[in-house]
Amino acid sequence: MKPVRIGLVALAAALALAGCATPGPAGEARALLKPAALGADAAGAPWPEARWWSAWGDAQLDALVEQALAGSPGLRSAEERLRLARTAVDASRAVERPQARVSVELSDQRFTENGLIPPPLAGSVEWNNSAQIGLSWELDLFGRRRAELDAAIGQVRAAQADAQAARVLLASQVAATYVDLARLAEAKRIAVESQTQREQVLALVRQRIAAGLDTRVELRQAEGLVAQSRVEIEALAEAAARTRHALAELAGQGPNAYDELSPALAPMRSAPLPAALPADLIGRRADLVAQRWRVDAATAQVDAAKAQFYPDIDLVAFVGLSSLGLDRFVEAGSRTYGVGPALHLPLFDGGRLRAQLDARRIDVDAAVDAYNAALLRALREVADEVTSLQAIERQQRSQAEAGAAAEAAYELALQRYQAGLGNFLVVLTAQTNVLAQRRAAADLKARHLAAEIGLARALGGGYQDA
């Protein structure tokens, strides 16, 4: 019983001295912003769905997104970071469990004649042998190991959310690049139509010159417009090729994997928006979820740093053999064993522990600031995309009217020119306006689809926090 009493007395003394190294007062902590306080309404349908791009009804886009999600090196990097975070959890859990170790030491050594070793061993050469099995178990009485485990789990959950955020971002990037490629394909189609139209006008000018109704000035103008169309077509082809290369990179493919891909803009159906858009982004955006878990992890690290000010108490036991000389190593008299508590208590450390605690508190403030910034950015992104969608829809209605008027004006100008009642400049002006309106229509549709992509991503891309 005597060793037990000594251990209890030592424990009581350690607890009495714990005030020598103290955490000190905590400053005012940062506060997490609440969406409701920023004007966000939690009501709304669960939009978008996880596969929101499927609402466009484009099988090519569906296949591209699935291929990218399956083969992108960027996603694999996020998954590797998740696996690395899980190893930290495993390491933290391992420390909580009893530990066992085996040690064997065999050394043939000469003992000094001028030390503590008495004759006849002094000056002799003997084998000094030891074999032990040691057991230890840290009693986490003040929660340091538990807090470290909570912090590691928080980092794992943040890494899980980061991996999902990477998937949402990749899907939106593939969809946006695909829409841009469709816009370029539509612009090229319009340019080819324009070239055909200008070649028809060139033929008409040549007929009028032959009839003495026009001069070579109109001929040179018409020829220049045909050449300009060829330049535009080549420029659009170059831009489309570069966009295909970007799409291949996103999908984890070689640059020429999609050389034959030429999506059409017209068949893409805009996804209907719900009557009330959800603004509760806490569980819908993976990046916000990740930042929230980082706040929790940093808070747990503060608890672990506080626990450093209290004693570590380990239960230690060992059993083994120890002898001088190999002939007596395995005899019963060579047995050795022991059991008891091991105490470690910081008394005076020059402020090291307090500095570590202050650093962990700063980490919490930084994590809260990062979360608040991410929340403000998320709300701004939602508001921006909704504003853009509403503005683009108004522009589309006005552009449709302008496009119809331009088409009618061109037909009338061409008819008057063919009848000899108008001049070529009026035809050129009307034709230029028609092409501008056609391009504007294609650009507005592409912008609308891009804003839909942006809104889907801003609302979490179908992610749900489990």
Protein backbone atom coordinates (compact mmCIF):
# COMPACT_ATOMS: atom_id res chain seq x y z
CA MET A 1 0.00 0.00 0.00
CA LYS A 2 2.94 2.33 0.54
CA PRO A 3 3.59 2.97 -3.21
CA VAL A 4 -0.11 3.69 -3.69
CA ARG A 5 -0.13 6.25 -0.85
CA ILE A 6 2.97 7.91 -2.25
CA GLY A 7 1.32 8.10 -5.67
CA LEU A 8 -1.83 9.71 -4.25
CA VAL A 9 0.20 12.23 -2.29
CA ALA A 10 2.17 13.09 -5.43
CA LEU A 11 -1.06 13.52 -7.37
CA ALA A 12 -2.51 15.84 -4.72
CA ALA A 13 0.69 17.88 -4.68
CA ALA A 14 0.65 18.14 -8.46
CA LEU A 15 -2.91 19.40 -8.51
CA ALA A 16 -2.12 21.92 -5.79
CA LEU A 17 0.77 23.29 -7.84
CA ALA A 18 -1.20 23.49 -11.10
CA GLY A 19 -1.68 27.20 -10.64
CA CYS A 20 1.98 27.89 -11.29
CA ALA A 21 1.39 27.77 -15.06
CA THR A 22 -2.04 29.21 -15.83
CA PRO A 23 -3.85 29.87 -19.14
CA GLY A 24 -4.55 33.51 -18.31
CA PRO A 25 -7.68 35.47 -19.26
CA ALA A 26 -9.28 34.88 -22.65
CA GLY A 27 -9.98 37.85 -24.91
CA GLU A 28 -13.27 38.54 -26.64
CA ALA A 29 -13.87 35.86 -29.25
CA ARG A 30 -15.11 36.52 -32.77
CA ALA A 31 -18.79 35.79 -33.46
CA LEU A 32 -20.15 33.81 -36.38
CA LEU A 33 -22.44 35.75 -38.66
CA LYS A 34 -26.01 34.48 -39.02
CA PRO A 35 -27.63 34.40 -42.50
CA ALA A 36 -30.92 35.66 -41.07
CA ALA A 37 -29.16 38.74 -39.70
CA LEU A 38 -27.92 39.48 -43.23
CA GLY A 39 -31.38 39.41 -44.77
CA ALA A 40 -31.31 35.77 -45.94
CA ASP A 41 -34.57 33.86 -45.95
CA ALA A 42 -34.33 30.20 -44.99
CA ALA A 43 -37.52 29.31 -46.87
CA GLY A 44 -37.38 27.78 -50.30
CA ALA A 45 -37.40 24.56 -52.25
CA PRO A 46 -34.37 22.23 -52.18
CA TRP A 47 -32.89 23.63 -55.41
CA PRO A 48 -30.75 22.83 -57.26
CA GLU A 49 -30.75 19.05 -57.49
CA ALA A 50 -27.48 17.15 -57.31
CA ARG A 51 -27.42 16.69 -61.11
CA TRP A 52 -28.77 20.15 -61.94
CA TRP A 53 -27.16 20.20 -65.41
CA SER A 54 -29.40 17.31 -66.51
CA ALA A 55 -32.35 19.71 -66.62
CA TRP A 56 -30.93 21.12 -69.87
CA GLY A 57 -31.63 17.84 -71.65
CA ASP A 58 -28.18 17.60 -73.27
CA ALA A 59 -26.80 14.05 -73.23
CA GLN A 60 -23.33 15.23 -74.35
CA LEU A 61 -23.08 17.55 -71.36
CA ASP A 62 -24.23 14.79 -69.00
CA ALA A 63 -21.49 12.48 -70.29
CA LEU A 64 -18.82 15.20 -70.08
CA VAL A 65 -19.62 16.07 -66.47
CA GLU A 66 -19.67 12.44 -65.43
CA GLN A 67 -16.34 11.83 -67.19
CA ALA A 68 -14.79 14.85 -65.47
CA LEU A 69 -16.06 13.82 -62.04
CA ALA A 70 -14.62 10.34 -62.57
CA GLY A 71 -11.22 11.25 -63.99
CA SER A 72 -10.13 14.74 -62.90
CA PRO A 73 -6.71 14.80 -61.16
CA GLY A 74 -7.88 17.82 -59.16
CA LEU A 75 -10.63 15.76 -57.52
CA ARG A 76 -8.18 12.99 -56.72
CA SER A 77 -5.96 15.56 -54.99
CA ALA A 78 -8.89 16.59 -52.79
CA GLU A 79 -9.56 12.93 -51.95
CA GLU A 80 -5.90 12.45 -51.04
CA ARG A 81 -6.11 15.40 -48.65
CA LEU A 82 -9.15 13.72 -47.10
CA ARG A 83 -7.25 10.46 -46.64
CA LEU A 84 -4.37 12.38 -45.05
CA ALA A 85 -6.78 14.02 -42.58
CA ARG A 86 -8.19 10.60 -41.69
CA THR A 87 -4.71 9.35 -40.79
CA ALA A 88 -4.50 12.18 -38.23
CA VAL A 89 -7.74 10.90 -36.66
CA ASP A 90 -6.34 7.38 -36.53
CA ALA A 91 -3.19 8.69 -34.85
CA SER A 92 -5.22 10.64 -32.26
CA ARG A 93 -7.37 7.62 -31.47
CA ALA A 94 -4.31 5.41 -31.10
CA VAL A 95 -2.89 7.64 -28.37
CA GLU A 96 -6.05 7.17 -26.26
CA ARG A 97 -5.58 3.41 -26.13
CA PRO A 98 -3.12 1.47 -23.92
CA GLN A 99 0.34 1.24 -25.42
CA ALA A 100 2.67 -1.77 -25.24
CA ARG A 101 6.28 -2.11 -26.27
CA VAL A 102 9.02 -4.72 -26.13
CA SER A 103 12.67 -3.84 -25.59
CA VAL A 104 15.65 -6.18 -25.61
CA GLU A 105 19.22 -4.99 -24.93
CA LEU A 106 22.28 -7.24 -24.95
CA SER A 107 25.68 -5.58 -24.60
CA ASP A 108 29.13 -7.03 -23.90
CA GLN A 109 30.83 -4.24 -21.95
CA ARG A 110 33.75 -3.50 -19.66
CA PHE A 111 32.78 -1.94 -16.34
CA THR A 112 34.96 0.92 -15.12
CA GLU A 113 37.27 0.43 -12.16
CA ASN A 114 36.76 4.05 -11.03
CA GLY A 115 32.99 4.20 -10.90
CA LEU A 116 30.15 2.96 -8.76
CA ILE A 117 30.50 -0.67 -9.82
CA PRO A 118 32.19 -2.60 -6.97
CA PRO A 119 34.73 -5.44 -7.35
CA PRO A 120 34.84 -8.09 -8.66
CA LEU A 121 32.74 -6.55 -11.50
CA ALA A 122 34.86 -3.40 -11.66
CA GLY A 123 37.36 -3.79 -14.46
CA SER A 124 35.73 -6.95 -15.80
CA VAL A 125 34.00 -7.58 -19.12
CA GLU A 126 30.50 -8.98 -18.82
CA TRP A 127 27.27 -9.20 -20.74
CA ASN A 128 24.73 -6.63 -19.51
CA ASN A 129 21.32 -7.93 -20.54
CA SER A 130 17.78 -6.61 -20.30
CA ALA A 131 14.44 -7.69 -21.82
CA GLN A 132 11.21 -5.94 -20.90
CA ILE A 133 7.57 -5.72 -21.89
CA GLY A 134 6.25 -2.27 -20.96
CA LEU A 135 2.63 -1.13 -20.77
CA SER A 136 1.40 2.44 -20.46
CA TRP A 137 -1.98 4.12 -20.53
CA GLU A 138 -2.53 7.85 -20.40
CA LEU A 139 -5.50 8.84 -18.23
CA ASP A 140 -7.03 11.73 -20.15
CA LEU A 141 -8.52 13.29 -17.02
CA PHE A 142 -8.50 16.83 -18.39
CA GLY A 143 -9.65 16.08 -21.95
CA ARG A 144 -6.51 17.01 -23.89
CA ARG A 145 -6.48 13.87 -26.01
CA ARG A 146 -10.24 14.06 -26.52
CA ALA A 147 -9.93 17.67 -27.70
CA GLU A 148 -7.12 16.73 -30.09
CA LEU A 149 -9.29 13.93 -31.47
CA ASP A 150 -12.22 16.33 -31.90
CA ALA A 151 -9.94 18.73 -33.76
CA ALA A 152 -8.73 15.95 -36.06
CA ILE A 153 -12.31 14.83 -36.72
CA GLY A 154 -13.25 18.42 -37.51
CA GLN A 155 -10.44 18.59 -40.06
CA VAL A 156 -11.64 15.33 -41.63
CA ARG A 157 -15.16 16.68 -41.98
CA ALA A 158 -13.79 19.91 -43.43
CA ALA A 159 -11.76 17.87 -45.92
CA GLN A 160 -14.90 15.87 -46.82
CA ALA A 161 -16.77 19.10 -47.49
CA ASP A 162 -13.80 20.45 -49.47
CA ALA A 163 -13.87 17.34 -51.66
CA GLN A 164 -17.57 17.89 -52.35
CA ALA A 165 -16.96 21.58 -53.02
CA ALA A 166 -14.32 20.57 -55.57
CA ARG A 167 -16.88 18.32 -57.30
CA VAL A 168 -19.44 21.15 -57.43
CA LEU A 169 -16.85 23.57 -58.79
CA LEU A 170 -15.65 21.10 -61.42
CA ALA A 171 -19.19 20.35 -62.63
CA SER A 172 -19.93 24.07 -62.95
CA GLN A 173 -16.64 24.68 -64.79
CA VAL A 174 -17.37 21.88 -67.26
CA ALA A 175 -20.90 23.18 -67.84
CA ALA A 176 -19.71 26.78 -68.27
CA THR A 177 -16.97 25.75 -70.72
CA TYR A 178 -19.47 23.62 -72.64
CA VAL A 179 -21.87 26.57 -72.90
CA ASP A 180 -19.03 28.79 -74.08
CA LEU A 181 -18.17 26.21 -76.75
CA ALA A 182 -21.83 26.13 -77.82
CA ARG A 183 -21.83 29.93 -77.99
CA LEU A 184 -18.77 29.88 -80.24
CA ALA A 185 -20.36 27.19 -82.43
CA GLU A 186 -23.48 29.33 -82.76
CA ALA A 187 -21.39 32.40 -83.55
CA LYS A 188 -19.56 30.43 -86.24
CA ARG A 189 -22.88 29.26 -87.70
CA ILE A 190 -24.05 32.87 -87.86
CA ALA A 191 -20.74 33.88 -89.46
CA VAL A 192 -21.12 31.17 -92.10
CA GLU A 193 -24.68 32.34 -92.81
CA SER A 194 -23.35 35.87 -93.01
CA GLN A 195 -20.70 34.78 -95.50
CA THR A 196 -23.32 33.08 -97.67
CA GLN A 197 -25.51 36.15 -97.48
CA ARG A 198 -22.63 38.45 -98.37
CA GLU A 199 -21.65 36.24 -101.29
CA GLN A 200 -25.23 36.53 -102.57
CA VAL A 201 -25.04 40.30 -102.25
CA LEU A 202 -21.66 40.25 -104.06
CA ALA A 203 -23.26 38.34 -106.92
CA LEU A 204 -26.06 40.90 -107.03
CA VAL A 205 -23.55 43.79 -107.12
CA ARG A 206 -21.75 42.16 -110.06
CA GLN A 207 -25.06 41.86 -111.91
CA ARG A 208 -25.81 45.53 -111.27
CA ILE A 209 -22.32 46.54 -112.44
CA ALA A 210 -22.88 44.56 -115.62
CA ALA A 211 -26.15 46.46 -116.05
CA GLY A 212 -24.41 49.79 -115.42
CA LEU A 213 -26.29 50.42 -112.18
CA ASP A 214 -23.33 50.25 -109.73
CA THR A 215 -19.66 51.16 -109.68
CA ARG A 216 -16.52 49.32 -108.67
CA VAL A 217 -16.77 51.04 -105.27
CA GLU A 218 -19.77 48.88 -104.34
CA LEU A 219 -17.94 45.84 -105.75
CA ARG A 220 -14.89 46.41 -103.55
CA GLN A 221 -17.12 46.93 -100.51
CA ALA A 222 -18.99 43.67 -101.14
CA GLU A 223 -15.73 41.75 -101.72
CA GLY A 224 -14.27 43.16 -98.50
CA LEU A 225 -17.27 41.99 -96.51
CA VAL A 226 -16.91 38.43 -97.84
CA ALA A 227 -13.24 38.42 -96.87
CA GLN A 228 -14.13 39.79 -93.44
CA SER A 229 -16.56 36.88 -92.94
CA ARG A 230 -13.74 34.43 -93.66
CA VAL A 231 -11.57 36.13 -91.03
CA GLU A 232 -14.38 35.94 -88.48
CA ILE A 233 -14.95 32.24 -89.18
CA GLU A 234 -11.26 31.43 -88.71
CA ALA A 235 -11.08 33.43 -85.48
CA LEU A 236 -14.13 31.63 -84.11
CA ALA A 237 -12.66 28.26 -85.12
CA GLU A 238 -9.47 29.08 -83.23
CA ALA A 239 -11.40 30.13 -80.11
CA ALA A 240 -13.51 26.96 -80.29
CA ALA A 241 -10.39 24.78 -80.53
CA ARG A 242 -8.88 26.43 -77.47
CA THR A 243 -12.15 25.97 -75.59
CA ARG A 244 -12.19 22.25 -76.50
CA HIS A 245 -8.66 21.97 -75.12
CA ALA A 246 -9.80 23.58 -71.85
CA LEU A 247 -12.78 21.22 -71.67
CA ALA A 248 -10.49 18.22 -72.20
CA GLU A 249 -8.22 19.38 -69.39
CA LEU A 250 -11.18 19.68 -67.02
CA ALA A 251 -12.29 16.15 -67.93
CA GLY A 252 -8.80 14.73 -67.44
CA GLN A 253 -8.34 13.98 -71.15
CA GLY A 254 -5.76 14.82 -73.79
CA PRO A 255 -6.12 18.15 -75.64
CA ASN A 256 -7.50 16.54 -78.81
CA ALA A 257 -10.08 14.33 -77.10
CA TYR A 258 -13.01 16.57 -78.10
CA ASP A 259 -11.89 17.79 -81.52
CA GLU A 260 -15.20 16.68 -83.05
CA LEU A 261 -17.38 18.08 -80.26
CA SER A 262 -19.63 20.89 -81.50
CA PRO A 263 -22.56 21.47 -79.13
CA ALA A 264 -25.63 23.42 -80.23
CA LEU A 265 -26.87 26.34 -78.18
CA ALA A 266 -30.46 26.36 -79.43
CA PRO A 267 -31.62 22.97 -78.00
CA MET A 268 -30.42 23.76 -74.48
CA ARG A 269 -33.48 24.39 -72.33
CA SER A 270 -33.15 26.85 -69.50
CA ALA A 271 -33.94 25.20 -66.17
CA PRO A 272 -37.03 26.66 -64.49
CA LEU A 273 -36.23 28.44 -61.26
CA PRO A 274 -38.32 27.79 -58.13
CA ALA A 275 -40.72 30.49 -57.00
CA ALA A 276 -38.68 31.06 -53.83
CA LEU A 277 -34.92 30.58 -53.97
CA PRO A 278 -33.37 29.09 -50.83
CA ALA A 279 -30.97 31.43 -49.09
CA ASP A 280 -30.12 29.17 -46.15
CA LEU A 281 -26.61 28.39 -47.32
CA ILE A 282 -25.29 26.80 -44.12
CA GLY A 283 -26.01 23.24 -45.21
CA ARG A 284 -26.14 23.82 -48.97
CA ARG A 285 -22.65 25.10 -49.77
CA ALA A 286 -19.80 22.70 -49.16
CA ASP A 287 -17.28 25.53 -48.76
CA LEU A 288 -19.33 27.04 -45.92
CA VAL A 289 -19.68 23.66 -44.26
CA ALA A 290 -15.91 23.17 -44.51
CA GLN A 291 -15.24 26.57 -42.95
CA ARG A 292 -17.70 25.81 -40.14
CA TRP A 293 -15.92 22.55 -39.36
CA ARG A 294 -12.61 24.40 -39.31
CA VAL A 295 -14.04 26.72 -36.66
CA ASP A 296 -14.99 23.68 -34.58
CA ALA A 297 -11.57 22.11 -35.11
CA ALA A 298 -9.79 25.31 -34.08
CA THR A 299 -12.01 25.55 -30.98
CA ALA A 300 -11.07 22.00 -30.04
CA GLN A 301 -7.40 22.91 -30.41
CA VAL A 302 -7.97 25.70 -27.86
CA ASP A 303 -9.37 23.12 -25.42
CA ALA A 304 -6.34 20.91 -26.05
CA ALA A 305 -3.99 23.85 -25.42
CA LYS A 306 -5.80 24.64 -22.14
CA ALA A 307 -5.42 21.04 -21.00
CA GLN A 308 -1.64 21.37 -21.41
CA PHE A 309 -1.66 23.40 -18.17
CA TYR A 310 -2.87 20.39 -16.19
CA PRO A 311 -0.90 17.27 -15.28
CA ASP A 312 -0.51 14.28 -17.56
CA ILE A 313 -1.09 11.09 -15.61
CA ASP A 314 0.07 7.79 -17.05
CA LEU A 315 -0.29 4.31 -15.60
CA VAL A 316 2.99 2.50 -16.28
CA ALA A 317 3.82 -1.19 -15.82
CA PHE A 318 6.70 -3.37 -16.94
CA VAL A 319 7.88 -6.95 -16.57
CA GLY A 320 11.07 -8.51 -17.82
CA LEU A 321 14.49 -9.99 -17.16
CA SER A 322 17.76 -8.27 -16.25
CA SER A 323 21.14 -9.80 -15.47
CA LEU A 324 24.89 -9.52 -15.75
CA GLY A 325 26.12 -12.45 -17.78
CA LEU A 326 24.22 -14.62 -20.19
CA ASP A 327 24.33 -17.71 -17.97
CA ARG A 328 21.93 -16.20 -15.41
CA PHE A 329 19.72 -14.24 -17.85
CA VAL A 330 16.77 -16.64 -17.86
CA GLU A 331 16.88 -17.59 -14.17
CA ALA A 332 13.96 -16.76 -11.88
CA GLY A 333 16.13 -14.39 -9.90
CA SER A 334 16.59 -12.17 -12.98
CA ARG A 335 12.92 -11.22 -13.03
CA THR A 336 12.09 -7.54 -12.77
CA TYR A 337 8.71 -5.81 -12.72
CA GLY A 338 7.05 -2.63 -11.57
CA VAL A 339 3.82 -0.64 -11.71
CA GLY A 340 2.83 2.88 -10.78
CA PRO A 341 1.65 6.30 -11.95
CA ALA A 342 3.78 8.74 -13.91
CA LEU A 343 3.02 12.42 -13.45
CA HIS A 344 4.08 15.32 -15.67
CA LEU A 345 3.12 18.83 -14.63
CA PRO A 346 4.23 22.18 -16.10
CA LEU A 347 5.29 24.62 -13.38
CA PHE A 348 7.38 27.37 -14.95
CA ASP A 349 7.86 27.32 -18.72
CA GLY A 350 8.69 30.91 -19.51
CA GLY A 351 5.25 31.52 -21.01
CA ARG A 352 5.55 28.85 -23.72
CA LEU A 353 2.18 27.20 -22.98
CA ARG A 354 0.40 30.53 -22.72
CA ALA A 355 1.86 31.58 -26.07
CA GLN A 356 0.65 28.32 -27.60
CA LEU A 357 -2.82 28.91 -26.19
CA ASP A 358 -2.89 32.47 -27.50
CA ALA A 359 -1.90 31.17 -30.94
CA ARG A 360 -4.76 28.63 -30.89
CA ARG A 361 -7.21 31.39 -29.90
CA ILE A 362 -5.96 33.47 -32.82
CA ASP A 363 -6.55 30.43 -35.06
CA VAL A 364 -10.18 30.38 -33.89
CA ASP A 365 -10.60 34.06 -34.69
CA ALA A 366 -9.05 33.51 -38.12
CA ALA A 367 -11.36 30.55 -38.78
CA VAL A 368 -14.41 32.58 -37.75
CA ASP A 369 -13.31 35.46 -39.99
CA ALA A 370 -12.83 33.03 -42.90
CA TYR A 371 -16.30 31.59 -42.31
CA ASN A 372 -17.91 35.03 -42.13
CA ALA A 373 -16.13 36.11 -45.31
CA ALA A 374 -17.27 32.93 -47.08
CA LEU A 375 -20.86 33.52 -45.95
CA LEU A 376 -20.85 37.12 -47.17
CA ARG A 377 -19.34 36.01 -50.47
CA ALA A 378 -21.97 33.28 -50.84
CA LEU A 379 -24.84 35.67 -50.25
CA ARG A 380 -23.34 38.15 -52.71
CA GLU A 381 -22.90 35.44 -55.36
CA VAL A 382 -26.54 34.36 -55.03
CA ALA A 383 -27.74 37.96 -55.25
CA ASP A 384 -25.48 38.64 -58.26
CA GLU A 385 -26.69 35.62 -60.23
CA VAL A 386 -30.37 36.28 -59.48
CA THR A 387 -29.90 39.90 -60.54
CA SER A 388 -28.15 38.81 -63.73
CA LEU A 389 -30.85 36.29 -64.61
CA GLN A 390 -33.61 38.84 -64.16
CA ALA A 391 -31.73 41.47 -66.16
CA ILE A 392 -30.85 39.04 -68.97
CA GLU A 393 -34.47 37.92 -69.30
CA ARG A 394 -35.55 41.56 -69.73
CA GLN A 395 -32.76 42.07 -72.28
CA GLN A 396 -33.85 38.96 -74.19
CA ARG A 397 -37.39 40.26 -74.55
CA SER A 398 -36.16 43.61 -75.85
CA GLN A 399 -33.58 41.98 -78.10
CA ALA A 400 -36.20 39.73 -79.67
CA GLU A 401 -38.12 42.84 -80.72
CA ALA A 402 -34.94 44.49 -82.00
CA GLY A 403 -33.96 41.36 -83.91
CA ALA A 404 -37.33 41.09 -85.62
CA ALA A 405 -37.17 44.76 -86.63
CA ALA A 406 -33.62 44.36 -87.99
CA GLU A 407 -34.58 41.32 -90.08
CA ALA A 408 -37.57 43.19 -91.53
CA ALA A 409 -35.47 46.27 -92.28
CA TYR A 410 -32.84 44.18 -94.08
CA GLU A 411 -35.42 42.41 -96.23
CA LEU A 412 -36.96 45.74 -97.19
CA ALA A 413 -33.56 47.36 -97.94
CA LEU A 414 -32.52 44.37 -100.09
CA GLN A 415 -35.80 44.44 -102.01
CA ARG A 416 -35.45 48.19 -102.70
CA TYR A 417 -31.82 47.70 -103.81
CA GLN A 418 -32.81 44.87 -106.16
CA ALA A 419 -35.54 47.12 -107.61
CA GLY A 420 -33.08 49.99 -108.06
CA LEU A 421 -34.84 52.17 -105.49
CA GLY A 422 -32.14 52.14 -102.78
CA ASN A 423 -28.36 52.35 -102.53
CA PHE A 424 -25.86 49.76 -101.41
CA LEU A 425 -24.91 51.62 -98.22
CA VAL A 426 -28.42 51.12 -96.83
CA VAL A 427 -28.17 47.38 -97.53
CA LEU A 428 -24.80 47.16 -95.78
CA THR A 429 -26.08 49.03 -92.75
CA ALA A 430 -29.18 46.83 -92.51
CA GLN A 431 -27.14 43.67 -92.95
CA THR A 432 -24.66 44.71 -90.24
CA ASN A 433 -27.56 45.35 -87.85
CA VAL A 434 -29.06 41.91 -88.58
CA LEU A 435 -25.78 40.15 -87.83
CA ALA A 436 -25.32 42.15 -84.64
CA GLN A 437 -28.81 41.19 -83.45
CA ARG A 438 -28.28 37.51 -84.22
CA ARG A 439 -25.03 37.53 -82.29
CA ALA A 440 -26.67 39.40 -79.45
CA ALA A 441 -29.41 36.77 -79.26
CA ALA A 442 -26.84 33.96 -79.07
CA ASP A 443 -24.74 35.82 -76.51
CA LEU A 444 -27.77 36.53 -74.31
CA LYS A 445 -28.81 32.89 -74.32
CA ALA A 446 -25.27 31.83 -73.45
CA ARG A 447 -25.17 34.45 -70.69
CA HIS A 448 -28.48 33.20 -69.33
CA LEU A 449 -27.19 29.64 -69.21
CA ALA A 450 -23.94 30.83 -67.62
CA ALA A 451 -25.94 32.71 -64.97
CA GLU A 452 -27.96 29.55 -64.31
CA ILE A 453 -24.68 27.70 -63.79
CA GLY A 454 -23.46 30.44 -61.48
CA LEU A 455 -26.67 30.38 -59.46
CA ALA A 456 -26.61 26.59 -59.17
CA ARG A 457 -23.03 26.76 -57.90
CA ALA A 458 -23.79 29.71 -55.59
CA LEU A 459 -26.63 27.71 -54.03
CA GLY A 460 -24.40 24.73 -53.38
CA GLY A 461 -24.68 22.73 -56.59
CA GLY A 462 -27.02 20.21 -55.00
CA TYR A 463 -24.76 19.54 -52.01
CA GLN A 464 -26.47 18.59 -48.76
CA ASP A 465 -24.61 18.50 -45.45
CA ALA A 466 -25.12 15.10 -43.88
